[in-house]
Amino acid sequence: MAEIDVQSELQAVTQKMEVLVDELNKVNAHREQLVGQVQNLQGVLMYLRGKTEDSSEIQVEGGENLPPEVVAQAKEAIKNKTGDEKNS
């Protein structure tokens, strides 16, 4: 049976784990940025639709492809944005 250098294996695995955690954090940050951009665009979309037609129902276009929490946040942001615009 081959001898295993436990210390060097532990060090190699730890380094690989650190690299993967850093990569995951970057991807997650990018995801959050994209979610924000989607929410902003959906808000603009709803505002512009509100200017062209009288609609009390808020619908999120493409919502079937988004996680439910993103859709809920987008709807809340849209309600807040359109409410602010009507009060101006």
PDB file of N, CA and C in Angstrom:
ATOM      1  N   MET A   1       0.844  -1.170   0.000  1.00  0.00           N
ATOM      2  CA  MET A   1       0.000   0.000   0.000  1.00  0.00           C
ATOM      3  C   MET A   1       0.892   1.236   0.000  1.00  0.00           C
ATOM      4  N   ALA A   2       0.521   2.226  -0.815  1.00  0.00           N
ATOM      5  CA  ALA A   2       1.323   3.445  -0.940  1.00  0.00           C
ATOM      6  C   ALA A   2       1.134   4.313   0.291  1.00  0.00           C
ATOM      7  N   GLU A   3       2.207   4.951   0.671  1.00  0.00           N
ATOM      8  CA  GLU A   3       2.204   5.875   1.807  1.00  0.00           C
ATOM      9  C   GLU A   3       1.575   7.198   1.364  1.00  0.00           C
ATOM     10  N   ILE A   4       0.683   7.754   2.164  1.00  0.00           N
ATOM     11  CA  ILE A   4       0.033   9.024   1.865  1.00  0.00           C
ATOM     12  C   ILE A   4       0.590  10.086   2.807  1.00  0.00           C
ATOM     13  N   ASP A   5       1.009  11.197   2.211  1.00  0.00           N
ATOM     14  CA  ASP A   5       1.473  12.327   3.009  1.00  0.00           C
ATOM     15  C   ASP A   5       0.231  13.147   3.377  1.00  0.00           C
ATOM     16  N   VAL A   6      -0.284  12.892   4.560  1.00  0.00           N
ATOM     17  CA  VAL A   6      -1.540  13.488   4.990  1.00  0.00           C
ATOM     18  C   VAL A   6      -1.443  15.015   5.035  1.00  0.00           C
ATOM     19  N   GLN A   7      -0.345  15.548   5.507  1.00  0.00           N
ATOM     20  CA  GLN A   7      -0.189  16.996   5.608  1.00  0.00           C
ATOM     21  C   GLN A   7      -0.261  17.669   4.232  1.00  0.00           C
ATOM     22  N   SER A   8       0.441  17.124   3.259  1.00  0.00           N
ATOM     23  CA  SER A   8       0.426  17.744   1.933  1.00  0.00           C
ATOM     24  C   SER A   8      -0.943  17.573   1.266  1.00  0.00           C
ATOM     25  N   GLU A   9      -1.597  16.450   1.478  1.00  0.00           N
ATOM     26  CA  GLU A   9      -2.939  16.240   0.934  1.00  0.00           C
ATOM     27  C   GLU A   9      -3.927  17.216   1.576  1.00  0.00           C
ATOM     28  N   LEU A  10      -3.816  17.381   2.875  1.00  0.00           N
ATOM     29  CA  LEU A  10      -4.683  18.308   3.595  1.00  0.00           C
ATOM     30  C   LEU A  10      -4.478  19.740   3.090  1.00  0.00           C
ATOM     31  N   GLN A  11      -3.233  20.111   2.881  1.00  0.00           N
ATOM     32  CA  GLN A  11      -2.917  21.440   2.379  1.00  0.00           C
ATOM     33  C   GLN A  11      -3.462  21.643   0.957  1.00  0.00           C
ATOM     34  N   ALA A  12      -3.307  20.638   0.105  1.00  0.00           N
ATOM     35  CA  ALA A  12      -3.796  20.736  -1.273  1.00  0.00           C
ATOM     36  C   ALA A  12      -5.320  20.851  -1.317  1.00  0.00           C
ATOM     37  N   VAL A  13      -5.997  20.052  -0.511  1.00  0.00           N
ATOM     38  CA  VAL A  13      -7.457  20.086  -0.481  1.00  0.00           C
ATOM     39  C   VAL A  13      -7.938  21.422   0.088  1.00  0.00           C
ATOM     40  N   THR A  14      -7.265  21.927   1.105  1.00  0.00           N
ATOM     41  CA  THR A  14      -7.629  23.214   1.692  1.00  0.00           C
ATOM     42  C   THR A  14      -7.477  24.342   0.681  1.00  0.00           C
ATOM     43  N   GLN A  15      -6.390  24.326  -0.074  1.00  0.00           N
ATOM     44  CA  GLN A  15      -6.182  25.357  -1.095  1.00  0.00           C
ATOM     45  C   GLN A  15      -7.252  25.288  -2.181  1.00  0.00           C
ATOM     46  N   LYS A  16      -7.575  24.074  -2.609  1.00  0.00           N
ATOM     47  CA  LYS A  16      -8.613  23.901  -3.635  1.00  0.00           C
ATOM     48  C   LYS A  16      -9.957  24.398  -3.109  1.00  0.00           C
ATOM     49  N   MET A  17     -10.239  24.108  -1.846  1.00  0.00           N
ATOM     50  CA  MET A  17     -11.490  24.548  -1.227  1.00  0.00           C
ATOM     51  C   MET A  17     -11.554  26.071  -1.187  1.00  0.00           C
ATOM     52  N   GLU A  18     -10.459  26.731  -0.857  1.00  0.00           N
ATOM     53  CA  GLU A  18     -10.424  28.193  -0.813  1.00  0.00           C
ATOM     54  C   GLU A  18     -10.674  28.784  -2.194  1.00  0.00           C
ATOM     55  N   VAL A  19     -10.079  28.198  -3.215  1.00  0.00           N
ATOM     56  CA  VAL A  19     -10.278  28.671  -4.586  1.00  0.00           C
ATOM     57  C   VAL A  19     -11.745  28.538  -4.985  1.00  0.00           C
ATOM     58  N   LEU A  20     -12.356  27.397  -4.668  1.00  0.00           N
ATOM     59  CA  LEU A  20     -13.753  27.173  -5.037  1.00  0.00           C
ATOM     60  C   LEU A  20     -14.693  28.104  -4.275  1.00  0.00           C
ATOM     61  N   VAL A  21     -14.411  28.353  -3.008  1.00  0.00           N
ATOM     62  CA  VAL A  21     -15.240  29.262  -2.225  1.00  0.00           C
ATOM     63  C   VAL A  21     -15.139  30.677  -2.794  1.00  0.00           C
ATOM     64  N   ASP A  22     -13.934  31.107  -3.164  1.00  0.00           N
ATOM     65  CA  ASP A  22     -13.773  32.427  -3.783  1.00  0.00           C
ATOM     66  C   ASP A  22     -14.555  32.520  -5.088  1.00  0.00           C
ATOM     67  N   GLU A  23     -14.474  31.479  -5.897  1.00  0.00           N
ATOM     68  CA  GLU A  23     -15.193  31.461  -7.173  1.00  0.00           C
ATOM     69  C   GLU A  23     -16.705  31.509  -6.943  1.00  0.00           C
ATOM     70  N   LEU A  24     -17.178  30.750  -5.958  1.00  0.00           N
ATOM     71  CA  LEU A  24     -18.603  30.746  -5.629  1.00  0.00           C
ATOM     72  C   LEU A  24     -19.058  32.127  -5.164  1.00  0.00           C
ATOM     73  N   ASN A  25     -18.258  32.793  -4.364  1.00  0.00           N
ATOM     74  CA  ASN A  25     -18.608  34.137  -3.904  1.00  0.00           C
ATOM     75  C   ASN A  25     -18.703  35.117  -5.069  1.00  0.00           C
ATOM     76  N   LYS A  26     -17.807  34.994  -6.030  1.00  0.00           N
ATOM     77  CA  LYS A  26     -17.847  35.866  -7.207  1.00  0.00           C
ATOM     78  C   LYS A  26     -19.101  35.610  -8.032  1.00  0.00           C
ATOM     79  N   VAL A  27     -19.420  34.343  -8.240  1.00  0.00           N
ATOM     80  CA  VAL A  27     -20.602  33.983  -9.026  1.00  0.00           C
ATOM     81  C   VAL A  27     -21.868  34.462  -8.307  1.00  0.00           C
ATOM     82  N   ASN A  28     -21.906  34.308  -6.996  1.00  0.00           N
ATOM     83  CA  ASN A  28     -23.072  34.739  -6.234  1.00  0.00           C
ATOM     84  C   ASN A  28     -23.236  36.257  -6.297  1.00  0.00           C
ATOM     85  N   ALA A  29     -22.134  36.984  -6.217  1.00  0.00           N
ATOM     86  CA  ALA A  29     -22.196  38.443  -6.320  1.00  0.00           C
ATOM     87  C   ALA A  29     -22.709  38.860  -7.693  1.00  0.00           C
ATOM     88  N   HIS A  30     -22.257  38.176  -8.724  1.00  0.00           N
ATOM     89  CA  HIS A  30     -22.719  38.469 -10.081  1.00  0.00           C
ATOM     90  C   HIS A  30     -24.211  38.160 -10.209  1.00  0.00           C
ATOM     91  N   ARG A  31     -24.652  37.078  -9.610  1.00  0.00           N
ATOM     92  CA  ARG A  31     -26.067  36.708  -9.629  1.00  0.00           C
ATOM     93  C   ARG A  31     -26.900  37.799  -8.971  1.00  0.00           C
ATOM     94  N   GLU A  32     -26.466  38.269  -7.827  1.00  0.00           N
ATOM     95  CA  GLU A  32     -27.190  39.325  -7.128  1.00  0.00           C
ATOM     96  C   GLU A  32     -27.273  40.594  -7.979  1.00  0.00           C
ATOM     97  N   GLN A  33     -26.198  40.893  -8.674  1.00  0.00           N
ATOM     98  CA  GLN A  33     -26.181  42.063  -9.559  1.00  0.00           C
ATOM     99  C   GLN A  33     -27.199  41.884 -10.688  1.00  0.00           C
ATOM    100  N   LEU A  34     -27.245  40.689 -11.256  1.00  0.00           N
ATOM    101  CA  LEU A  34     -28.202  40.414 -12.331  1.00  0.00           C
ATOM    102  C   LEU A  34     -29.638  40.477 -11.829  1.00  0.00           C
ATOM    103  N   VAL A  35     -29.888  39.973 -10.632  1.00  0.00           N
ATOM    104  CA  VAL A  35     -31.230  40.037 -10.051  1.00  0.00           C
ATOM    105  C   VAL A  35     -31.655  41.495  -9.909  1.00  0.00           C
ATOM    106  N   GLY A  36     -30.749  42.335  -9.443  1.00  0.00           N
ATOM    107  CA  GLY A  36     -31.052  43.756  -9.314  1.00  0.00           C
ATOM    108  C   GLY A  36     -31.355  44.398 -10.645  1.00  0.00           C
ATOM    109  N   GLN A  37     -30.594  44.042 -11.655  1.00  0.00           N
ATOM    110  CA  GLN A  37     -30.828  44.597 -12.986  1.00  0.00           C
ATOM    111  C   GLN A  37     -32.176  44.157 -13.544  1.00  0.00           C
ATOM    112  N   VAL A  38     -32.519  42.883 -13.333  1.00  0.00           N
ATOM    113  CA  VAL A  38     -33.816  42.370 -13.793  1.00  0.00           C
ATOM    114  C   VAL A  38     -34.941  43.117 -13.090  1.00  0.00           C
ATOM    115  N   GLN A  39     -34.799  43.311 -11.779  1.00  0.00           N
ATOM    116  CA  GLN A  39     -35.833  44.021 -11.033  1.00  0.00           C
ATOM    117  C   GLN A  39     -35.981  45.458 -11.536  1.00  0.00           C
ATOM    118  N   ASN A  40     -34.873  46.112 -11.768  1.00  0.00           N
ATOM    119  CA  ASN A  40     -34.935  47.485 -12.272  1.00  0.00           C
ATOM    120  C   ASN A  40     -35.612  47.552 -13.633  1.00  0.00           C
ATOM    121  N   LEU A  41     -35.246  46.651 -14.518  1.00  0.00           N
ATOM    122  CA  LEU A  41     -35.847  46.639 -15.855  1.00  0.00           C
ATOM    123  C   LEU A  41     -37.337  46.306 -15.797  1.00  0.00           C
ATOM    124  N   GLN A  42     -37.710  45.405 -14.904  1.00  0.00           N
ATOM    125  CA  GLN A  42     -39.124  45.082 -14.768  1.00  0.00           C
ATOM    126  C   GLN A  42     -39.900  46.286 -14.241  1.00  0.00           C
ATOM    127  N   GLY A  43     -39.276  47.029 -13.351  1.00  0.00           N
ATOM    128  CA  GLY A  43     -39.910  48.250 -12.853  1.00  0.00           C
ATOM    129  C   GLY A  43     -40.116  49.267 -13.961  1.00  0.00           C
ATOM    130  N   VAL A  44     -39.101  49.451 -14.760  1.00  0.00           N
ATOM    131  CA  VAL A  44     -39.209  50.378 -15.892  1.00  0.00           C
ATOM    132  C   VAL A  44     -40.273  49.889 -16.863  1.00  0.00           C
ATOM    133  N   LEU A  45     -40.283  48.602 -17.143  1.00  0.00           N
ATOM    134  CA  LEU A  45     -41.270  48.017 -18.040  1.00  0.00           C
ATOM    135  C   LEU A  45     -42.685  48.284 -17.544  1.00  0.00           C
ATOM    136  N   MET A  46     -42.919  48.051 -16.284  1.00  0.00           N
ATOM    137  CA  MET A  46     -44.254  48.255 -15.743  1.00  0.00           C
ATOM    138  C   MET A  46     -44.624  49.739 -15.732  1.00  0.00           C
ATOM    139  N   TYR A  47     -43.674  50.584 -15.440  1.00  0.00           N
ATOM    140  CA  TYR A  47     -43.939  52.027 -15.470  1.00  0.00           C
ATOM    141  C   TYR A  47     -44.347  52.458 -16.881  1.00  0.00           C
ATOM    142  N   LEU A  48     -43.593  52.000 -17.856  1.00  0.00           N
ATOM    143  CA  LEU A  48     -43.897  52.377 -19.241  1.00  0.00           C
ATOM    144  C   LEU A  48     -45.225  51.790 -19.690  1.00  0.00           C
ATOM    145  N   ARG A  49     -45.517  50.562 -19.285  1.00  0.00           N
ATOM    146  CA  ARG A  49     -46.818  49.983 -19.633  1.00  0.00           C
ATOM    147  C   ARG A  49     -47.941  50.772 -18.975  1.00  0.00           C
ATOM    148  N   GLY A  50     -47.696  51.217 -17.756  1.00  0.00           N
ATOM    149  CA  GLY A  50     -48.703  52.014 -17.056  1.00  0.00           C
ATOM    150  C   GLY A  50     -48.968  53.331 -17.750  1.00  0.00           C
ATOM    151  N   LYS A  51     -47.986  53.866 -18.423  1.00  0.00           N
ATOM    152  CA  LYS A  51     -48.157  55.108 -19.165  1.00  0.00           C
ATOM    153  C   LYS A  51     -48.975  54.895 -20.435  1.00  0.00           C
ATOM    154  N   THR A  52     -48.965  53.678 -20.979  1.00  0.00           N
ATOM    155  CA  THR A  52     -49.669  53.420 -22.235  1.00  0.00           C
ATOM    156  C   THR A  52     -51.038  52.795 -22.030  1.00  0.00           C
ATOM    157  N   GLU A  53     -51.271  52.155 -20.886  1.00  0.00           N
ATOM    158  CA  GLU A  53     -52.562  51.518 -20.636  1.00  0.00           C
ATOM    159  C   GLU A  53     -52.874  51.558 -19.155  1.00  0.00           C
ATOM    160  N   ASP A  54     -54.122  51.568 -18.818  1.00  0.00           N
ATOM    161  CA  ASP A  54     -54.526  51.585 -17.417  1.00  0.00           C
ATOM    162  C   ASP A  54     -54.662  50.141 -16.947  1.00  0.00           C
ATOM    163  N   SER A  55     -53.716  49.705 -16.138  1.00  0.00           N
ATOM    164  CA  SER A  55     -53.705  48.323 -15.672  1.00  0.00           C
ATOM    165  C   SER A  55     -53.443  48.301 -14.178  1.00  0.00           C
ATOM    166  N   SER A  56     -54.365  47.725 -13.419  1.00  0.00           N
ATOM    167  CA  SER A  56     -54.164  47.628 -11.976  1.00  0.00           C
ATOM    168  C   SER A  56     -53.475  46.315 -11.602  1.00  0.00           C
ATOM    169  N   GLU A  57     -53.497  45.354 -12.488  1.00  0.00           N
ATOM    170  CA  GLU A  57     -52.865  44.052 -12.246  1.00  0.00           C
ATOM    171  C   GLU A  57     -51.391  44.125 -12.615  1.00  0.00           C
ATOM    172  N   ILE A  58     -50.521  43.712 -11.690  1.00  0.00           N
ATOM    173  CA  ILE A  58     -49.087  43.712 -11.968  1.00  0.00           C
ATOM    174  C   ILE A  58     -48.696  42.308 -12.415  1.00  0.00           C
ATOM    175  N   GLN A  59     -48.135  42.215 -13.605  1.00  0.00           N
ATOM    176  CA  GLN A  59     -47.660  40.948 -14.139  1.00  0.00           C
ATOM    177  C   GLN A  59     -46.182  41.079 -14.429  1.00  0.00           C
ATOM    178  N   VAL A  60     -45.442  40.043 -14.079  1.00  0.00           N
ATOM    179  CA  VAL A  60     -44.001  40.057 -14.314  1.00  0.00           C
ATOM    180  C   VAL A  60     -43.719  39.212 -15.544  1.00  0.00           C
ATOM    181  N   GLU A  61     -43.262  39.869 -16.603  1.00  0.00           N
ATOM    182  CA  GLU A  61     -42.969  39.172 -17.846  1.00  0.00           C
ATOM    183  C   GLU A  61     -41.757  38.275 -17.667  1.00  0.00           C
ATOM    184  N   GLY A  62     -41.846  37.039 -18.099  1.00  0.00           N
ATOM    185  CA  GLY A  62     -40.735  36.108 -17.967  1.00  0.00           C
ATOM    186  C   GLY A  62     -40.596  35.547 -16.555  1.00  0.00           C
ATOM    187  N   GLY A  63     -41.585  35.778 -15.723  1.00  0.00           N
ATOM    188  CA  GLY A  63     -41.521  35.358 -14.326  1.00  0.00           C
ATOM    189  C   GLY A  63     -41.439  33.856 -14.129  1.00  0.00           C
ATOM    190  N   GLU A  64     -41.900  33.097 -15.110  1.00  0.00           N
ATOM    191  CA  GLU A  64     -41.862  31.643 -14.964  1.00  0.00           C
ATOM    192  C   GLU A  64     -40.432  31.108 -14.957  1.00  0.00           C
ATOM    193  N   ASN A  65     -39.478  31.891 -15.439  1.00  0.00           N
ATOM    194  CA  ASN A  65     -38.084  31.464 -15.471  1.00  0.00           C
ATOM    195  C   ASN A  65     -37.297  31.961 -14.272  1.00  0.00           C
ATOM    196  N   LEU A  66     -37.937  32.741 -13.396  1.00  0.00           N
ATOM    197  CA  LEU A  66     -37.246  33.326 -12.259  1.00  0.00           C
ATOM    198  C   LEU A  66     -37.630  32.614 -10.970  1.00  0.00           C
ATOM    199  N   PRO A  67     -36.714  32.607  -9.997  1.00  0.00           N
ATOM    200  CA  PRO A  67     -37.072  32.053  -8.684  1.00  0.00           C
ATOM    201  C   PRO A  67     -38.207  32.876  -8.073  1.00  0.00           C
ATOM    202  N   PRO A  68     -39.086  32.246  -7.305  1.00  0.00           N
ATOM    203  CA  PRO A  68     -40.247  32.950  -6.743  1.00  0.00           C
ATOM    204  C   PRO A  68     -39.868  34.170  -5.906  1.00  0.00           C
ATOM    205  N   GLU A  69     -38.760  34.093  -5.169  1.00  0.00           N
ATOM    206  CA  GLU A  69     -38.377  35.239  -4.339  1.00  0.00           C
ATOM    207  C   GLU A  69     -37.987  36.444  -5.195  1.00  0.00           C
ATOM    208  N   VAL A  70     -37.430  36.201  -6.362  1.00  0.00           N
ATOM    209  CA  VAL A  70     -37.067  37.296  -7.267  1.00  0.00           C
ATOM    210  C   VAL A  70     -38.335  37.943  -7.814  1.00  0.00           C
ATOM    211  N   VAL A  71     -39.301  37.121  -8.187  1.00  0.00           N
ATOM    212  CA  VAL A  71     -40.564  37.650  -8.710  1.00  0.00           C
ATOM    213  C   VAL A  71     -41.264  38.472  -7.636  1.00  0.00           C
ATOM    214  N   ALA A  72     -41.272  37.970  -6.401  1.00  0.00           N
ATOM    215  CA  ALA A  72     -41.921  38.699  -5.307  1.00  0.00           C
ATOM    216  C   ALA A  72     -41.230  40.039  -5.061  1.00  0.00           C
ATOM    217  N   GLN A  73     -39.903  40.041  -5.064  1.00  0.00           N
ATOM    218  CA  GLN A  73     -39.163  41.278  -4.864  1.00  0.00           C
ATOM    219  C   GLN A  73     -39.407  42.250  -6.014  1.00  0.00           C
ATOM    220  N   ALA A  74     -39.466  41.729  -7.223  1.00  0.00           N
ATOM    221  CA  ALA A  74     -39.702  42.582  -8.389  1.00  0.00           C
ATOM    222  C   ALA A  74     -41.089  43.204  -8.316  1.00  0.00           C
ATOM    223  N   LYS A  75     -42.092  42.413  -7.943  1.00  0.00           N
ATOM    224  CA  LYS A  75     -43.442  42.951  -7.839  1.00  0.00           C
ATOM    225  C   LYS A  75     -43.517  44.035  -6.777  1.00  0.00           C
ATOM    226  N   GLU A  76     -42.837  43.814  -5.651  1.00  0.00           N
ATOM    227  CA  GLU A  76     -42.826  44.823  -4.591  1.00  0.00           C
ATOM    228  C   GLU A  76     -42.140  46.098  -5.060  1.00  0.00           C
ATOM    229  N   ALA A  77     -41.020  45.941  -5.756  1.00  0.00           N
ATOM    230  CA  ALA A  77     -40.298  47.109  -6.269  1.00  0.00           C
ATOM    231  C   ALA A  77     -41.152  47.861  -7.290  1.00  0.00           C
ATOM    232  N   ILE A  78     -41.885  47.123  -8.107  1.00  0.00           N
ATOM    233  CA  ILE A  78     -42.746  47.746  -9.118  1.00  0.00           C
ATOM    234  C   ILE A  78     -43.876  48.512  -8.438  1.00  0.00           C
ATOM    235  N   LYS A  79     -44.489  47.896  -7.434  1.00  0.00           N
ATOM    236  CA  LYS A  79     -45.564  48.581  -6.714  1.00  0.00           C
ATOM    237  C   LYS A  79     -45.048  49.867  -6.088  1.00  0.00           C
ATOM    238  N   ASN A  80     -43.891  49.795  -5.462  1.00  0.00           N
ATOM    239  CA  ASN A  80     -43.300  50.983  -4.840  1.00  0.00           C
ATOM    240  C   ASN A  80     -42.965  52.043  -5.860  1.00  0.00           C
ATOM    241  N   LYS A  81     -42.395  51.611  -6.986  1.00  0.00           N
ATOM    242  CA  LYS A  81     -41.986  52.576  -8.026  1.00  0.00           C
ATOM    243  C   LYS A  81     -43.200  53.249  -8.645  1.00  0.00           C
ATOM    244  N   THR A  82     -44.200  52.470  -9.018  1.00  0.00           N
ATOM    245  CA  THR A  82     -45.383  53.055  -9.646  1.00  0.00           C
ATOM    246  C   THR A  82     -46.166  53.883  -8.653  1.00  0.00           C
ATOM    247  N   GLY A  83     -46.178  53.500  -7.399  1.00  0.00           N
ATOM    248  CA  GLY A  83     -46.840  54.296  -6.367  1.00  0.00           C
ATOM    249  C   GLY A  83     -46.158  55.631  -6.189  1.00  0.00           C
ATOM    250  N   ASP A  84     -44.815  55.641  -6.215  1.00  0.00           N
ATOM    251  CA  ASP A  84     -44.061  56.878  -6.082  1.00  0.00           C
ATOM    252  C   ASP A  84     -44.317  57.798  -7.265  1.00  0.00           C
ATOM    253  N   GLU A  85     -44.424  57.226  -8.475  1.00  0.00           N
ATOM    254  CA  GLU A  85     -44.599  58.021  -9.687  1.00  0.00           C
ATOM    255  C   GLU A  85     -45.991  58.675  -9.692  1.00  0.00           C
ATOM    256  N   LYS A  86     -47.009  57.965  -9.203  1.00  0.00           N
ATOM    257  CA  LYS A  86     -48.355  58.499  -9.226  1.00  0.00           C
ATOM    258  C   LYS A  86     -48.507  59.643  -8.233  1.00  0.00           C
ATOM    259  N   ASN A  87     -47.710  59.612  -7.149  1.00  0.00           N
ATOM    260  CA  ASN A  87     -47.802  60.649  -6.139  1.00  0.00           C
ATOM    261  C   ASN A  87     -47.051  61.907  -6.542  1.00  0.00           C
ATOM    262  N   SER A  88     -46.259  61.849  -7.588  1.00  0.00           N
ATOM    263  CA  SER A  88     -45.452  63.013  -8.009  1.00  0.00           C
ATOM    264  C   SER A  88     -46.283  63.990  -8.790  1.00  0.00           C
TER     265      SER A  88
END
